[in-house]
Amino acid sequence: MKKVGILGGTFNPPHVGHLLMANEALHALSLDEVRFMPNAIPPHKQVNYMPRDAQRLDLLQCLIDEEAAFTIEPYEIERGGTSYTIDTMRALTSREPHTAFYFIIGGDSIDTLHTWKEIDALMQLVTFVGILRPGSQGVSTYAVTLLQTPQIDVSSTLLRERLAKGYTVNYLLPKQVEAYIRKERLYGAN
């Protein structure tokens, strides 16, 4: 059976923290691949600004270009609407019945799993993998495989703020992601 990690998110913008999460899950769980899956409309997050879908996919491609085991899963963007994980994973498990899916989440999401739509049904479809981040407790009444990664306290919010203010984002964003952001003038960068 093929083992596939799914790392969902807004990726607004994608950054080295996302790469670290995916890489840790890939190697610690001996996954065949990790798919980065951008949300269409995230149900648990208020988003004030997001690049166009095509730009978000381009940013992810820039992020993962150098790792053959990383791919993009465009299902939620192609489907549109609110991106409930249960709906997505029902579709993916139906499309790929011989694949074991590992849904990779950050520590902040571990703490809120009880709020996810149809979480009990979702637990039957995927193995949750929680990547502990600074400040997250990793406590849940649901079964979550916990992984530790090198601690880097970087967030998309921090990067958007730094880009808008003209501050450096060196080493927080891969060069090709930063170049694309500047070329497209995203997040107030120029």
N, C-alpha and C. Protein backbone atom coordinates (compact mmCIF):
# COMPACT_ATOMS: atom_id res chain seq x y z
N MET A 1 0.84 -1.18 0.00
CA MET A 1 0.00 0.00 0.00
C MET A 1 0.89 1.24 0.00
N LYS A 2 0.54 2.20 -0.84
CA LYS A 2 1.28 3.45 -0.93
C LYS A 2 0.97 4.31 0.29
N LYS A 3 2.00 4.99 0.82
CA LYS A 3 1.84 5.86 1.99
C LYS A 3 2.06 7.31 1.57
N VAL A 4 1.00 8.11 1.71
CA VAL A 4 1.03 9.49 1.23
C VAL A 4 0.69 10.46 2.36
N GLY A 5 1.57 11.42 2.56
CA GLY A 5 1.29 12.50 3.50
C GLY A 5 0.56 13.62 2.79
N ILE A 6 -0.39 14.23 3.48
CA ILE A 6 -1.10 15.39 2.97
C ILE A 6 -0.84 16.54 3.94
N LEU A 7 -0.26 17.61 3.42
CA LEU A 7 -0.03 18.80 4.23
C LEU A 7 -0.92 19.90 3.67
N GLY A 8 -2.02 20.15 4.35
CA GLY A 8 -2.97 21.17 3.90
C GLY A 8 -2.70 22.50 4.55
N GLY A 9 -3.17 23.56 3.90
CA GLY A 9 -3.01 24.88 4.48
C GLY A 9 -3.31 25.97 3.48
N THR A 10 -3.24 27.21 3.95
CA THR A 10 -3.42 28.33 3.03
C THR A 10 -2.11 28.61 2.29
N PHE A 11 -0.98 28.29 2.91
CA PHE A 11 0.34 28.53 2.30
C PHE A 11 0.39 29.97 1.77
N ASN A 12 0.20 30.91 2.67
CA ASN A 12 -0.02 32.30 2.30
C ASN A 12 0.98 33.23 2.96
N PRO A 13 2.29 33.14 2.64
CA PRO A 13 2.95 32.31 1.62
C PRO A 13 3.53 31.02 2.22
N PRO A 14 3.91 30.10 1.34
CA PRO A 14 4.61 28.89 1.81
C PRO A 14 6.04 29.25 2.22
N HIS A 15 6.56 28.54 3.23
CA HIS A 15 7.87 28.91 3.77
C HIS A 15 8.64 27.69 4.26
N VAL A 16 9.83 27.93 4.81
CA VAL A 16 10.70 26.84 5.24
C VAL A 16 10.08 25.99 6.35
N GLY A 17 9.22 26.56 7.15
CA GLY A 17 8.53 25.78 8.18
C GLY A 17 7.68 24.68 7.58
N HIS A 18 7.03 24.98 6.46
CA HIS A 18 6.24 23.96 5.76
C HIS A 18 7.14 22.85 5.23
N LEU A 19 8.30 23.25 4.70
CA LEU A 19 9.25 22.24 4.20
C LEU A 19 9.74 21.34 5.33
N LEU A 20 10.05 21.93 6.48
CA LEU A 20 10.52 21.14 7.62
C LEU A 20 9.46 20.14 8.07
N MET A 21 8.20 20.58 8.14
CA MET A 21 7.11 19.68 8.54
C MET A 21 7.00 18.51 7.57
N ALA A 22 6.98 18.82 6.28
CA ALA A 22 6.82 17.78 5.26
C ALA A 22 8.01 16.82 5.28
N ASN A 23 9.20 17.37 5.40
CA ASN A 23 10.40 16.53 5.39
C ASN A 23 10.45 15.60 6.60
N GLU A 24 10.07 16.12 7.77
CA GLU A 24 10.07 15.29 8.97
C GLU A 24 9.10 14.13 8.83
N ALA A 25 7.89 14.42 8.35
CA ALA A 25 6.89 13.36 8.17
C ALA A 25 7.35 12.36 7.11
N LEU A 26 7.90 12.85 6.02
CA LEU A 26 8.38 11.99 4.93
C LEU A 26 9.34 10.93 5.46
N HIS A 27 10.32 11.37 6.23
CA HIS A 27 11.38 10.47 6.68
C HIS A 27 11.00 9.68 7.94
N ALA A 28 10.35 10.32 8.89
CA ALA A 28 10.01 9.63 10.14
C ALA A 28 8.99 8.52 9.92
N LEU A 29 8.10 8.71 8.94
CA LEU A 29 7.04 7.73 8.70
C LEU A 29 7.27 6.90 7.44
N SER A 30 8.42 7.08 6.80
CA SER A 30 8.75 6.37 5.56
C SER A 30 7.63 6.50 4.52
N LEU A 31 7.21 7.75 4.30
CA LEU A 31 6.16 8.01 3.32
C LEU A 31 6.74 7.93 1.91
N ASP A 32 5.88 7.59 0.96
CA ASP A 32 6.30 7.57 -0.44
C ASP A 32 6.33 8.98 -1.03
N GLU A 33 5.43 9.82 -0.57
CA GLU A 33 5.40 11.21 -1.02
C GLU A 33 4.62 12.05 -0.01
N VAL A 34 4.84 13.35 -0.10
CA VAL A 34 4.04 14.31 0.66
C VAL A 34 3.44 15.28 -0.35
N ARG A 35 2.13 15.43 -0.28
CA ARG A 35 1.42 16.35 -1.16
C ARG A 35 1.04 17.61 -0.39
N PHE A 36 1.40 18.74 -0.94
CA PHE A 36 1.01 20.03 -0.38
C PHE A 36 -0.34 20.38 -0.99
N MET A 37 -1.34 20.60 -0.13
CA MET A 37 -2.70 20.80 -0.61
C MET A 37 -3.24 22.15 -0.13
N PRO A 38 -3.24 23.15 -1.04
CA PRO A 38 -3.77 24.46 -0.65
C PRO A 38 -5.29 24.45 -0.53
N ASN A 39 -5.80 25.11 0.53
CA ASN A 39 -7.25 25.24 0.71
C ASN A 39 -7.82 26.18 -0.34
N ALA A 40 -9.10 26.01 -0.63
CA ALA A 40 -9.82 27.02 -1.40
C ALA A 40 -10.25 28.10 -0.41
N ILE A 41 -11.19 27.75 0.47
CA ILE A 41 -11.62 28.65 1.55
C ILE A 41 -11.45 27.89 2.86
N PRO A 42 -10.50 28.30 3.70
CA PRO A 42 -10.27 27.58 4.96
C PRO A 42 -11.43 27.80 5.94
N PRO A 43 -11.94 26.73 6.54
CA PRO A 43 -13.08 26.87 7.45
C PRO A 43 -12.72 27.40 8.84
N HIS A 44 -11.46 27.28 9.25
CA HIS A 44 -11.07 27.65 10.61
C HIS A 44 -10.21 28.91 10.68
N LYS A 45 -10.13 29.64 9.57
CA LYS A 45 -9.20 30.76 9.56
C LYS A 45 -9.81 31.91 8.77
N GLN A 46 -9.73 33.11 9.33
CA GLN A 46 -10.16 34.32 8.62
C GLN A 46 -8.97 34.80 7.79
N VAL A 47 -9.17 34.92 6.49
CA VAL A 47 -8.09 35.33 5.60
C VAL A 47 -8.46 36.66 4.96
N ASN A 48 -7.63 37.68 5.19
CA ASN A 48 -7.90 39.00 4.63
C ASN A 48 -7.40 39.14 3.20
N TYR A 49 -6.28 38.51 2.90
CA TYR A 49 -5.72 38.59 1.55
C TYR A 49 -5.09 37.26 1.18
N MET A 50 -5.35 36.85 -0.04
CA MET A 50 -4.71 35.65 -0.56
C MET A 50 -4.46 35.87 -2.05
N PRO A 51 -3.28 35.48 -2.54
CA PRO A 51 -3.04 35.57 -3.98
C PRO A 51 -4.04 34.71 -4.75
N ARG A 52 -4.13 34.97 -6.05
CA ARG A 52 -5.00 34.15 -6.91
C ARG A 52 -4.57 32.69 -6.83
N ASP A 53 -5.50 31.79 -7.11
CA ASP A 53 -5.21 30.36 -7.01
C ASP A 53 -4.00 29.95 -7.85
N ALA A 54 -3.91 30.46 -9.07
CA ALA A 54 -2.78 30.11 -9.94
C ALA A 54 -1.46 30.56 -9.31
N GLN A 55 -1.46 31.73 -8.67
CA GLN A 55 -0.25 32.21 -8.01
C GLN A 55 0.10 31.35 -6.81
N ARG A 56 -0.90 30.92 -6.07
CA ARG A 56 -0.64 30.05 -4.91
C ARG A 56 -0.03 28.73 -5.35
N LEU A 57 -0.54 28.18 -6.45
CA LEU A 57 0.04 26.94 -6.97
C LEU A 57 1.46 27.16 -7.45
N ASP A 58 1.71 28.30 -8.10
CA ASP A 58 3.07 28.64 -8.54
C ASP A 58 4.02 28.77 -7.35
N LEU A 59 3.56 29.44 -6.29
CA LEU A 59 4.39 29.58 -5.09
C LEU A 59 4.75 28.22 -4.50
N LEU A 60 3.77 27.33 -4.45
CA LEU A 60 4.05 25.98 -3.92
C LEU A 60 5.03 25.24 -4.82
N GLN A 61 4.89 25.40 -6.13
CA GLN A 61 5.83 24.73 -7.04
C GLN A 61 7.25 25.25 -6.81
N CYS A 62 7.38 26.56 -6.61
CA CYS A 62 8.70 27.13 -6.29
C CYS A 62 9.24 26.52 -5.00
N LEU A 63 8.37 26.32 -4.03
CA LEU A 63 8.79 25.79 -2.73
C LEU A 63 9.32 24.37 -2.84
N ILE A 64 8.65 23.53 -3.62
CA ILE A 64 8.94 22.09 -3.60
C ILE A 64 9.81 21.61 -4.76
N ASP A 65 10.21 22.52 -5.63
CA ASP A 65 10.93 22.14 -6.85
C ASP A 65 12.11 21.21 -6.64
N GLU A 66 12.80 21.32 -5.52
CA GLU A 66 14.04 20.57 -5.34
C GLU A 66 13.87 19.24 -4.63
N GLU A 67 12.64 18.86 -4.30
CA GLU A 67 12.40 17.59 -3.59
C GLU A 67 11.43 16.74 -4.39
N ALA A 68 11.94 15.66 -4.97
CA ALA A 68 11.12 14.80 -5.84
C ALA A 68 9.95 14.16 -5.11
N ALA A 69 10.06 13.96 -3.81
CA ALA A 69 8.99 13.31 -3.05
C ALA A 69 7.87 14.28 -2.66
N PHE A 70 8.03 15.57 -2.96
CA PHE A 70 7.01 16.57 -2.67
C PHE A 70 6.25 16.89 -3.94
N THR A 71 4.93 16.88 -3.86
CA THR A 71 4.07 17.21 -4.99
C THR A 71 2.95 18.14 -4.51
N ILE A 72 2.14 18.59 -5.45
CA ILE A 72 0.99 19.44 -5.12
C ILE A 72 -0.29 18.67 -5.37
N GLU A 73 -1.20 18.74 -4.42
CA GLU A 73 -2.54 18.16 -4.56
C GLU A 73 -3.51 19.33 -4.73
N PRO A 74 -3.98 19.58 -5.97
CA PRO A 74 -4.83 20.75 -6.23
C PRO A 74 -6.32 20.54 -5.98
N TYR A 75 -6.70 19.40 -5.40
CA TYR A 75 -8.11 19.03 -5.30
C TYR A 75 -9.00 20.14 -4.71
N GLU A 76 -8.60 20.70 -3.58
CA GLU A 76 -9.47 21.68 -2.91
C GLU A 76 -9.62 22.96 -3.72
N ILE A 77 -8.55 23.41 -4.35
CA ILE A 77 -8.64 24.60 -5.19
C ILE A 77 -9.53 24.32 -6.40
N GLU A 78 -9.35 23.16 -7.02
CA GLU A 78 -10.16 22.82 -8.19
C GLU A 78 -11.63 22.67 -7.82
N ARG A 79 -11.93 22.12 -6.66
CA ARG A 79 -13.32 21.95 -6.22
C ARG A 79 -13.94 23.28 -5.84
N GLY A 80 -13.16 24.15 -5.19
CA GLY A 80 -13.68 25.44 -4.75
C GLY A 80 -14.54 25.30 -3.50
N GLY A 81 -15.00 26.41 -3.00
CA GLY A 81 -15.85 26.42 -1.81
C GLY A 81 -15.05 26.20 -0.53
N THR A 82 -15.77 26.04 0.56
CA THR A 82 -15.13 25.82 1.85
C THR A 82 -14.44 24.46 1.86
N SER A 83 -13.20 24.45 2.30
CA SER A 83 -12.37 23.25 2.26
C SER A 83 -12.47 22.46 3.56
N TYR A 84 -13.49 21.64 3.66
CA TYR A 84 -13.61 20.76 4.82
C TYR A 84 -12.80 19.50 4.55
N THR A 85 -11.92 19.16 5.46
CA THR A 85 -11.01 18.03 5.29
C THR A 85 -11.77 16.72 5.09
N ILE A 86 -12.88 16.53 5.78
CA ILE A 86 -13.63 15.29 5.64
C ILE A 86 -14.10 15.10 4.21
N ASP A 87 -14.60 16.16 3.57
CA ASP A 87 -15.07 16.06 2.18
C ASP A 87 -13.91 15.72 1.25
N THR A 88 -12.80 16.38 1.45
CA THR A 88 -11.62 16.15 0.62
C THR A 88 -11.10 14.73 0.77
N MET A 89 -10.97 14.28 2.00
CA MET A 89 -10.40 12.95 2.21
C MET A 89 -11.35 11.84 1.77
N ARG A 90 -12.64 12.08 1.84
CA ARG A 90 -13.57 11.09 1.26
C ARG A 90 -13.32 10.97 -0.24
N ALA A 91 -13.14 12.09 -0.91
CA ALA A 91 -12.89 12.07 -2.35
C ALA A 91 -11.55 11.41 -2.67
N LEU A 92 -10.50 11.76 -1.93
CA LEU A 92 -9.17 11.20 -2.21
C LEU A 92 -9.11 9.71 -1.91
N THR A 93 -9.72 9.27 -0.82
CA THR A 93 -9.69 7.83 -0.51
C THR A 93 -10.53 7.04 -1.50
N SER A 94 -11.56 7.65 -2.03
CA SER A 94 -12.37 6.99 -3.07
C SER A 94 -11.57 6.89 -4.37
N ARG A 95 -10.86 7.97 -4.71
CA ARG A 95 -10.04 8.02 -5.92
C ARG A 95 -8.84 7.08 -5.83
N GLU A 96 -8.29 6.92 -4.62
CA GLU A 96 -7.08 6.12 -4.41
C GLU A 96 -7.30 5.13 -3.27
N PRO A 97 -8.08 4.09 -3.51
CA PRO A 97 -8.43 3.16 -2.43
C PRO A 97 -7.26 2.36 -1.87
N HIS A 98 -6.14 2.29 -2.59
CA HIS A 98 -4.99 1.51 -2.12
C HIS A 98 -3.88 2.40 -1.58
N THR A 99 -4.28 3.57 -1.07
CA THR A 99 -3.33 4.52 -0.49
C THR A 99 -3.69 4.75 0.96
N ALA A 100 -2.68 4.71 1.82
CA ALA A 100 -2.85 5.09 3.23
C ALA A 100 -2.47 6.56 3.34
N PHE A 101 -3.41 7.38 3.81
CA PHE A 101 -3.18 8.81 3.91
C PHE A 101 -2.81 9.21 5.33
N TYR A 102 -1.81 10.07 5.43
CA TYR A 102 -1.33 10.63 6.69
C TYR A 102 -1.54 12.14 6.60
N PHE A 103 -2.45 12.66 7.39
CA PHE A 103 -2.77 14.08 7.32
C PHE A 103 -1.91 14.84 8.32
N ILE A 104 -1.03 15.68 7.80
CA ILE A 104 -0.01 16.38 8.59
C ILE A 104 -0.56 17.72 9.05
N ILE A 105 -0.52 17.94 10.37
CA ILE A 105 -1.02 19.19 10.93
C ILE A 105 -0.01 19.77 11.91
N GLY A 106 -0.09 21.08 12.10
CA GLY A 106 0.76 21.75 13.08
C GLY A 106 0.18 21.60 14.47
N GLY A 107 1.00 21.89 15.46
CA GLY A 107 0.58 21.75 16.85
C GLY A 107 -0.65 22.56 17.20
N ASP A 108 -0.80 23.74 16.57
CA ASP A 108 -1.98 24.56 16.85
C ASP A 108 -3.26 23.85 16.41
N SER A 109 -3.19 23.06 15.35
CA SER A 109 -4.37 22.33 14.88
C SER A 109 -4.68 21.11 15.74
N ILE A 110 -3.65 20.51 16.33
CA ILE A 110 -3.88 19.37 17.22
C ILE A 110 -4.82 19.79 18.34
N ASP A 111 -4.58 20.97 18.87
CA ASP A 111 -5.36 21.46 20.00
C ASP A 111 -6.82 21.74 19.65
N THR A 112 -7.14 21.83 18.35
CA THR A 112 -8.51 22.18 17.94
C THR A 112 -9.20 21.09 17.11
N LEU A 113 -8.65 19.89 17.08
CA LEU A 113 -9.26 18.82 16.28
C LEU A 113 -10.73 18.59 16.63
N HIS A 114 -11.08 18.78 17.88
CA HIS A 114 -12.47 18.55 18.30
C HIS A 114 -13.46 19.47 17.58
N THR A 115 -12.97 20.55 16.95
CA THR A 115 -13.86 21.47 16.24
C THR A 115 -14.00 21.14 14.75
N TRP A 116 -13.24 20.16 14.25
CA TRP A 116 -13.27 19.84 12.82
C TRP A 116 -14.58 19.14 12.46
N LYS A 117 -15.06 19.44 11.27
CA LYS A 117 -16.29 18.83 10.77
C LYS A 117 -16.13 17.31 10.68
N GLU A 118 -17.07 16.59 11.28
CA GLU A 118 -17.12 15.12 11.24
C GLU A 118 -15.77 14.48 11.59
N ILE A 119 -15.18 14.96 12.67
CA ILE A 119 -13.85 14.49 13.05
C ILE A 119 -13.81 12.98 13.30
N ASP A 120 -14.85 12.41 13.86
CA ASP A 120 -14.83 10.96 14.12
C ASP A 120 -14.77 10.17 12.82
N ALA A 121 -15.51 10.59 11.81
CA ALA A 121 -15.47 9.93 10.50
C ALA A 121 -14.10 10.14 9.85
N LEU A 122 -13.55 11.34 10.00
CA LEU A 122 -12.25 11.65 9.42
C LEU A 122 -11.15 10.78 10.03
N MET A 123 -11.26 10.50 11.31
CA MET A 123 -10.27 9.66 11.98
C MET A 123 -10.23 8.25 11.39
N GLN A 124 -11.31 7.82 10.76
CA GLN A 124 -11.36 6.50 10.13
C GLN A 124 -10.68 6.51 8.76
N LEU A 125 -10.51 7.70 8.17
CA LEU A 125 -9.97 7.81 6.81
C LEU A 125 -8.48 8.09 6.77
N VAL A 126 -7.96 8.76 7.79
CA VAL A 126 -6.56 9.19 7.78
C VAL A 126 -5.90 8.89 9.12
N THR A 127 -4.58 8.88 9.10
CA THR A 127 -3.79 8.91 10.32
C THR A 127 -3.33 10.35 10.49
N PHE A 128 -3.66 10.96 11.60
CA PHE A 128 -3.22 12.33 11.85
C PHE A 128 -1.79 12.32 12.35
N VAL A 129 -0.99 13.22 11.80
CA VAL A 129 0.40 13.39 12.20
C VAL A 129 0.56 14.83 12.67
N GLY A 130 0.89 15.01 13.92
CA GLY A 130 1.02 16.35 14.48
C GLY A 130 2.48 16.74 14.62
N ILE A 131 2.80 17.88 14.06
CA ILE A 131 4.15 18.42 14.16
C ILE A 131 4.12 19.49 15.26
N LEU A 132 4.82 19.22 16.34
CA LEU A 132 4.81 20.15 17.47
C LEU A 132 5.60 21.40 17.13
N ARG A 133 4.98 22.54 17.38
CA ARG A 133 5.59 23.84 17.14
C ARG A 133 5.76 24.55 18.47
N PRO A 134 6.59 25.59 18.49
CA PRO A 134 6.76 26.33 19.74
C PRO A 134 5.41 26.80 20.29
N GLY A 135 5.16 26.51 21.55
CA GLY A 135 3.94 26.95 22.21
C GLY A 135 2.75 26.01 22.07
N SER A 136 2.85 24.98 21.23
CA SER A 136 1.71 24.06 21.09
C SER A 136 1.84 22.94 22.12
N GLN A 137 0.71 22.53 22.63
CA GLN A 137 0.69 21.50 23.65
C GLN A 137 0.65 20.09 23.05
N GLY A 138 0.03 19.96 21.88
CA GLY A 138 -0.09 18.64 21.27
C GLY A 138 -1.01 17.73 22.05
N VAL A 139 -1.99 18.31 22.72
CA VAL A 139 -2.92 17.53 23.53
C VAL A 139 -4.24 17.38 22.79
N SER A 140 -4.69 16.15 22.66
CA SER A 140 -5.95 15.89 21.98
C SER A 140 -6.54 14.60 22.51
N THR A 141 -7.85 14.52 22.49
CA THR A 141 -8.51 13.26 22.85
C THR A 141 -8.51 12.31 21.66
N TYR A 142 -8.05 12.79 20.51
CA TYR A 142 -7.99 11.98 19.30
C TYR A 142 -6.57 11.43 19.11
N ALA A 143 -6.48 10.30 18.44
CA ALA A 143 -5.17 9.67 18.19
C ALA A 143 -4.40 10.50 17.17
N VAL A 144 -3.24 10.98 17.58
CA VAL A 144 -2.38 11.76 16.71
C VAL A 144 -0.95 11.26 16.90
N THR A 145 -0.28 10.93 15.81
CA THR A 145 1.13 10.58 15.86
C THR A 145 1.92 11.87 15.96
N LEU A 146 2.65 12.05 17.05
CA LEU A 146 3.39 13.29 17.28
C LEU A 146 4.83 13.17 16.80
N LEU A 147 5.28 14.20 16.10
CA LEU A 147 6.66 14.27 15.63
C LEU A 147 7.27 15.59 16.08
N GLN A 148 8.54 15.53 16.43
CA GLN A 148 9.30 16.72 16.78
C GLN A 148 10.12 17.12 15.56
N THR A 149 10.17 18.40 15.29
CA THR A 149 11.03 18.90 14.23
C THR A 149 11.96 19.95 14.83
N PRO A 150 13.01 20.30 14.11
CA PRO A 150 13.81 21.43 14.57
C PRO A 150 12.89 22.63 14.76
N GLN A 151 13.05 23.32 15.87
CA GLN A 151 12.14 24.42 16.19
C GLN A 151 12.54 25.68 15.44
N ILE A 152 11.64 26.15 14.59
CA ILE A 152 11.82 27.42 13.91
C ILE A 152 10.48 28.13 14.00
N ASP A 153 10.47 29.25 14.65
CA ASP A 153 9.22 29.97 14.88
C ASP A 153 8.99 30.95 13.74
N VAL A 154 8.49 30.42 12.63
CA VAL A 154 8.18 31.24 11.46
C VAL A 154 6.74 30.96 11.07
N SER A 155 6.05 31.99 10.65
CA SER A 155 4.67 31.83 10.23
C SER A 155 4.42 32.65 8.98
N SER A 156 3.39 32.28 8.25
CA SER A 156 3.02 33.05 7.06
C SER A 156 2.63 34.47 7.44
N THR A 157 1.99 34.64 8.59
CA THR A 157 1.61 35.99 9.06
C THR A 157 2.86 36.85 9.24
N LEU A 158 3.87 36.31 9.92
CA LEU A 158 5.12 37.04 10.12
C LEU A 158 5.74 37.42 8.78
N LEU A 159 5.75 36.49 7.84
CA LEU A 159 6.36 36.76 6.54
C LEU A 159 5.59 37.83 5.76
N ARG A 160 4.27 37.79 5.80
CA ARG A 160 3.48 38.83 5.12
C ARG A 160 3.79 40.20 5.71
N GLU A 161 3.90 40.27 7.03
CA GLU A 161 4.22 41.54 7.69
C GLU A 161 5.61 42.03 7.29
N ARG A 162 6.58 41.14 7.29
CA ARG A 162 7.95 41.53 6.93
C ARG A 162 8.03 41.98 5.48
N LEU A 163 7.36 41.26 4.59
CA LEU A 163 7.36 41.64 3.17
C LEU A 163 6.71 43.01 2.97
N ALA A 164 5.59 43.25 3.63
CA ALA A 164 4.88 44.53 3.49
C ALA A 164 5.71 45.70 4.00
N LYS A 165 6.55 45.46 5.02
CA LYS A 165 7.38 46.52 5.61
C LYS A 165 8.74 46.64 4.92
N GLY A 166 9.01 45.76 3.97
CA GLY A 166 10.28 45.82 3.27
C GLY A 166 11.43 45.19 4.03
N TYR A 167 11.14 44.42 5.08
CA TYR A 167 12.18 43.76 5.87
C TYR A 167 12.68 42.51 5.14
N THR A 168 13.85 42.08 5.50
CA THR A 168 14.43 40.88 4.89
C THR A 168 13.65 39.62 5.29
N VAL A 169 13.57 38.70 4.35
CA VAL A 169 12.98 37.39 4.62
C VAL A 169 13.99 36.29 4.27
N ASN A 170 15.26 36.70 4.19
CA ASN A 170 16.32 35.73 3.89
C ASN A 170 16.27 34.57 4.87
N TYR A 171 16.41 33.37 4.34
CA TYR A 171 16.46 32.11 5.08
C TYR A 171 15.11 31.69 5.68
N LEU A 172 14.09 32.54 5.57
CA LEU A 172 12.75 32.17 6.02
C LEU A 172 11.91 31.68 4.83
N LEU A 173 12.23 32.21 3.67
CA LEU A 173 11.62 31.79 2.41
C LEU A 173 12.72 31.28 1.49
N PRO A 174 12.50 30.18 0.79
CA PRO A 174 13.46 29.80 -0.24
C PRO A 174 13.58 30.93 -1.27
N LYS A 175 14.76 31.10 -1.84
CA LYS A 175 15.04 32.20 -2.77
C LYS A 175 14.03 32.25 -3.92
N GLN A 176 13.67 31.06 -4.46
CA GLN A 176 12.76 31.06 -5.61
C GLN A 176 11.35 31.51 -5.21
N VAL A 177 10.93 31.25 -3.98
CA VAL A 177 9.63 31.72 -3.50
C VAL A 177 9.67 33.24 -3.33
N GLU A 178 10.73 33.74 -2.72
CA GLU A 178 10.87 35.19 -2.55
C GLU A 178 10.92 35.89 -3.90
N ALA A 179 11.65 35.33 -4.86
CA ALA A 179 11.75 35.93 -6.19
C ALA A 179 10.37 36.01 -6.85
N TYR A 180 9.60 34.96 -6.73
CA TYR A 180 8.25 34.95 -7.32
C TYR A 180 7.37 36.01 -6.65
N ILE A 181 7.43 36.10 -5.33
CA ILE A 181 6.64 37.09 -4.60
C ILE A 181 6.99 38.50 -5.07
N ARG A 182 8.27 38.77 -5.21
CA ARG A 182 8.71 40.11 -5.64
C ARG A 182 8.32 40.37 -7.10
N LYS A 183 8.46 39.38 -7.95
CA LYS A 183 8.09 39.54 -9.37
C LYS A 183 6.61 39.84 -9.52
N GLU A 184 5.78 39.14 -8.74
CA GLU A 184 4.32 39.31 -8.82
C GLU A 184 3.81 40.43 -7.90
N ARG A 185 4.71 41.03 -7.13
CA ARG A 185 4.37 42.10 -6.19
C ARG A 185 3.28 41.68 -5.20
N LEU A 186 3.46 40.49 -4.64
CA LEU A 186 2.51 39.96 -3.66
C LEU A 186 2.86 40.47 -2.27
N TYR A 187 1.88 40.59 -1.43
CA TYR A 187 2.05 40.96 -0.01
C TYR A 187 2.70 42.33 0.18
N GLY A 188 2.58 43.20 -0.79
CA GLY A 188 3.17 44.53 -0.68
C GLY A 188 4.66 44.56 -0.96
N ALA A 189 5.22 43.44 -1.40
CA ALA A 189 6.66 43.38 -1.70
C ALA A 189 6.93 44.03 -3.05
N ASN A 190 8.13 44.57 -3.19
CA ASN A 190 8.53 45.09 -4.51
C ASN A 190 10.00 44.88 -4.74
